Amino acid sequence: MLHKKGNNLPGSSVAIGDSDGYADAIALALNRELGRSRHAVKTLTRWTGASERTAKNWITAKRGPSGEDLVALARHSNEVMRAFHRLAGRSELEAGVHAELHHMLHRAISLLES
């Protein structure tokens, strides 16, 4: 629930209107996943249908993606999904996924050894 005064979500250090923090977090995630090459821009346009200029703005943190574009990016990029979880204050979701993968790998190794 939003406060009547201000743009901060309760329990969050990132303001909704704080496009710098949001844009920076997404840009960092995209740069980790794709780098800053022309290939990265083309990949982003393929993933989202956004223009090249828009994709460049995301990579350079001039602007963050809209909701629909963020969903498309998270669908294709684990780094963007991690950034989203951190921005949303839900890092425990990522930890749960890692624990489940760890358990599944142990089971798979046990089956291969037997």
C-alpha atoms as a PDB file:
ATOM      1  CA  MET A   1       0.000   0.000   0.000  1.00  0.00           C
ATOM      2  CA  LEU A   2       1.360   3.423  -0.933  1.00  0.00           C
ATOM      3  CA  HIS A   3       1.672   6.200   1.566  1.00  0.00           C
ATOM      4  CA  LYS A   4      -0.430   9.264   0.856  1.00  0.00           C
ATOM      5  CA  LYS A   5       2.702  11.367   1.325  1.00  0.00           C
ATOM      6  CA  GLY A   6       5.631  10.254  -0.782  1.00  0.00           C
ATOM      7  CA  ASN A   7       6.521   7.534  -3.198  1.00  0.00           C
ATOM      8  CA  ASN A   8       8.300   5.002  -1.016  1.00  0.00           C
ATOM      9  CA  LEU A   9       6.893   1.544  -0.532  1.00  0.00           C
ATOM     10  CA  PRO A  10       6.818   0.468   3.124  1.00  0.00           C
ATOM     11  CA  GLY A  11       9.942  -1.517   3.993  1.00  0.00           C
ATOM     12  CA  SER A  12      11.683  -0.595   0.766  1.00  0.00           C
ATOM     13  CA  SER A  13      14.770   1.492   0.219  1.00  0.00           C
ATOM     14  CA  VAL A  14      13.906   2.096  -3.445  1.00  0.00           C
ATOM     15  CA  ALA A  15      11.327   4.760  -4.212  1.00  0.00           C
ATOM     16  CA  ILE A  16       8.785   4.079  -6.940  1.00  0.00           C
ATOM     17  CA  GLY A  17       9.602   7.352  -8.641  1.00  0.00           C
ATOM     18  CA  ASP A  18      13.331   6.790  -8.144  1.00  0.00           C
ATOM     19  CA  SER A  19      14.045   5.910 -11.739  1.00  0.00           C
ATOM     20  CA  ASP A  20      17.788   6.158 -11.150  1.00  0.00           C
ATOM     21  CA  GLY A  21      17.854   3.266  -8.655  1.00  0.00           C
ATOM     22  CA  TYR A  22      15.505   1.158 -10.737  1.00  0.00           C
ATOM     23  CA  ALA A  23      17.186   1.979 -14.040  1.00  0.00           C
ATOM     24  CA  ASP A  24      20.640   1.379 -12.533  1.00  0.00           C
ATOM     25  CA  ALA A  25      19.652  -2.024 -11.128  1.00  0.00           C
ATOM     26  CA  ILE A  26      18.180  -3.197 -14.440  1.00  0.00           C
ATOM     27  CA  ALA A  27      21.118  -1.806 -16.441  1.00  0.00           C
ATOM     28  CA  LEU A  28      23.578  -3.616 -14.179  1.00  0.00           C
ATOM     29  CA  ALA A  29      21.638  -6.861 -14.631  1.00  0.00           C
ATOM     30  CA  LEU A  30      21.492  -6.452 -18.422  1.00  0.00           C
ATOM     31  CA  ASN A  31      25.189  -5.629 -18.612  1.00  0.00           C
ATOM     32  CA  ARG A  32      26.032  -8.718 -16.577  1.00  0.00           C
ATOM     33  CA  GLU A  33      23.906 -10.894 -18.833  1.00  0.00           C
ATOM     34  CA  LEU A  34      24.585  -9.358 -22.247  1.00  0.00           C
ATOM     35  CA  GLY A  35      27.321  -6.726 -22.062  1.00  0.00           C
ATOM     36  CA  ARG A  36      27.021  -3.367 -23.836  1.00  0.00           C
ATOM     37  CA  SER A  37      27.582  -4.445 -27.435  1.00  0.00           C
ATOM     38  CA  ARG A  38      25.394  -3.956 -30.478  1.00  0.00           C
ATOM     39  CA  HIS A  39      24.543  -7.632 -30.124  1.00  0.00           C
ATOM     40  CA  ALA A  40      23.087  -6.898 -26.681  1.00  0.00           C
ATOM     41  CA  VAL A  41      20.839  -4.192 -28.121  1.00  0.00           C
ATOM     42  CA  LYS A  42      19.615  -6.543 -30.852  1.00  0.00           C
ATOM     43  CA  THR A  43      18.954  -9.261 -28.279  1.00  0.00           C
ATOM     44  CA  LEU A  44      16.881  -6.881 -26.156  1.00  0.00           C
ATOM     45  CA  THR A  45      14.817  -5.763 -29.156  1.00  0.00           C
ATOM     46  CA  ARG A  46      14.170  -9.418 -30.021  1.00  0.00           C
ATOM     47  CA  TRP A  47      13.157 -10.257 -26.437  1.00  0.00           C
ATOM     48  CA  THR A  48      10.794  -7.305 -25.998  1.00  0.00           C
ATOM     49  CA  GLY A  49       9.922  -5.783 -29.373  1.00  0.00           C
ATOM     50  CA  ALA A  50      11.264  -2.444 -28.089  1.00  0.00           C
ATOM     51  CA  SER A  51      13.184  -0.062 -30.340  1.00  0.00           C
ATOM     52  CA  GLU A  52      16.973   0.014 -30.429  1.00  0.00           C
ATOM     53  CA  ARG A  53      16.967   3.462 -28.792  1.00  0.00           C
ATOM     54  CA  THR A  54      14.849   2.122 -25.929  1.00  0.00           C
ATOM     55  CA  ALA A  55      17.143  -0.882 -25.477  1.00  0.00           C
ATOM     56  CA  LYS A  56      20.194   1.424 -25.413  1.00  0.00           C
ATOM     57  CA  ASN A  57      18.489   3.548 -22.756  1.00  0.00           C
ATOM     58  CA  TRP A  58      17.998   0.439 -20.591  1.00  0.00           C
ATOM     59  CA  ILE A  59      21.634  -0.652 -20.986  1.00  0.00           C
ATOM     60  CA  THR A  60      22.965   2.813 -20.125  1.00  0.00           C
ATOM     61  CA  ALA A  61      20.477   3.314 -17.236  1.00  0.00           C
ATOM     62  CA  LYS A  62      18.944   6.423 -18.824  1.00  0.00           C
ATOM     63  CA  ARG A  63      15.550   4.789 -18.340  1.00  0.00           C
ATOM     64  CA  GLY A  64      14.192   1.571 -16.886  1.00  0.00           C
ATOM     65  CA  PRO A  65      11.815  -0.741 -18.745  1.00  0.00           C
ATOM     66  CA  SER A  66       8.045  -0.472 -18.403  1.00  0.00           C
ATOM     67  CA  GLY A  67       6.090  -3.237 -16.687  1.00  0.00           C
ATOM     68  CA  GLU A  68       5.429  -5.336 -19.790  1.00  0.00           C
ATOM     69  CA  ASP A  69       9.014  -4.989 -20.962  1.00  0.00           C
ATOM     70  CA  LEU A  70      10.306  -5.876 -17.494  1.00  0.00           C
ATOM     71  CA  VAL A  71       8.266  -9.092 -17.590  1.00  0.00           C
ATOM     72  CA  ALA A  72       9.692  -9.951 -21.023  1.00  0.00           C
ATOM     73  CA  LEU A  73      13.235  -9.232 -19.831  1.00  0.00           C
ATOM     74  CA  ALA A  74      12.779 -11.333 -16.691  1.00  0.00           C
ATOM     75  CA  ARG A  75      11.420 -14.173 -18.828  1.00  0.00           C
ATOM     76  CA  HIS A  76      14.716 -14.292 -20.739  1.00  0.00           C
ATOM     77  CA  SER A  77      17.279 -13.055 -18.203  1.00  0.00           C
ATOM     78  CA  ASN A  78      18.091 -14.612 -14.843  1.00  0.00           C
ATOM     79  CA  GLU A  79      20.057 -11.479 -13.937  1.00  0.00           C
ATOM     80  CA  VAL A  80      17.005  -9.267 -14.487  1.00  0.00           C
ATOM     81  CA  MET A  81      14.881 -11.643 -12.426  1.00  0.00           C
ATOM     82  CA  ARG A  82      17.440 -11.458  -9.590  1.00  0.00           C
ATOM     83  CA  ALA A  83      17.484  -7.656  -9.814  1.00  0.00           C
ATOM     84  CA  PHE A  84      13.682  -7.607  -9.687  1.00  0.00           C
ATOM     85  CA  HIS A  85      13.689  -9.793  -6.570  1.00  0.00           C
ATOM     86  CA  ARG A  86      16.240  -7.500  -4.900  1.00  0.00           C
ATOM     87  CA  LEU A  87      14.268  -4.364  -5.840  1.00  0.00           C
ATOM     88  CA  ALA A  88      11.091  -5.956  -4.519  1.00  0.00           C
ATOM     89  CA  GLY A  89      12.789  -6.964  -1.275  1.00  0.00           C
ATOM     90  CA  ARG A  90      12.176 -10.646  -2.051  1.00  0.00           C
ATOM     91  CA  SER A  91      15.713 -12.030  -2.176  1.00  0.00           C
ATOM     92  CA  GLU A  92      14.540 -15.013  -0.135  1.00  0.00           C
ATOM     93  CA  LEU A  93      12.767 -16.295  -3.266  1.00  0.00           C
ATOM     94  CA  GLU A  94      16.105 -16.639  -4.998  1.00  0.00           C
ATOM     95  CA  ALA A  95      17.589 -18.422  -1.990  1.00  0.00           C
ATOM     96  CA  GLY A  96      14.679 -20.888  -2.042  1.00  0.00           C
ATOM     97  CA  VAL A  97      15.236 -21.631  -5.714  1.00  0.00           C
ATOM     98  CA  HIS A  98      18.934 -22.284  -5.084  1.00  0.00           C
ATOM     99  CA  ALA A  99      18.138 -24.628  -2.204  1.00  0.00           C
ATOM    100  CA  GLU A 100      15.695 -26.581  -4.376  1.00  0.00           C
ATOM    101  CA  LEU A 101      18.235 -26.847  -7.222  1.00  0.00           C
ATOM    102  CA  HIS A 102      20.881 -28.018  -4.763  1.00  0.00           C
ATOM    103  CA  HIS A 103      18.524 -30.720  -3.495  1.00  0.00           C
ATOM    104  CA  MET A 104      17.655 -31.823  -7.041  1.00  0.00           C
ATOM    105  CA  LEU A 105      21.335 -32.049  -8.014  1.00  0.00           C
ATOM    106  CA  HIS A 106      22.077 -34.175  -4.957  1.00  0.00           C
ATOM    107  CA  ARG A 107      19.244 -36.532  -5.896  1.00  0.00           C
ATOM    108  CA  ALA A 108      20.473 -36.740  -9.493  1.00  0.00           C
ATOM    109  CA  ILE A 109      24.031 -37.515  -8.392  1.00  0.00           C
ATOM    110  CA  SER A 110      22.762 -40.188  -5.989  1.00  0.00           C
ATOM    111  CA  LEU A 111      20.763 -41.810  -8.801  1.00  0.00           C
ATOM    112  CA  LEU A 112      23.768 -41.771 -11.123  1.00  0.00           C
ATOM    113  CA  GLU A 113      26.015 -43.334  -8.492  1.00  0.00           C
ATOM    114  CA  SER A 114      23.620 -46.186  -7.725  1.00  0.00           C
END
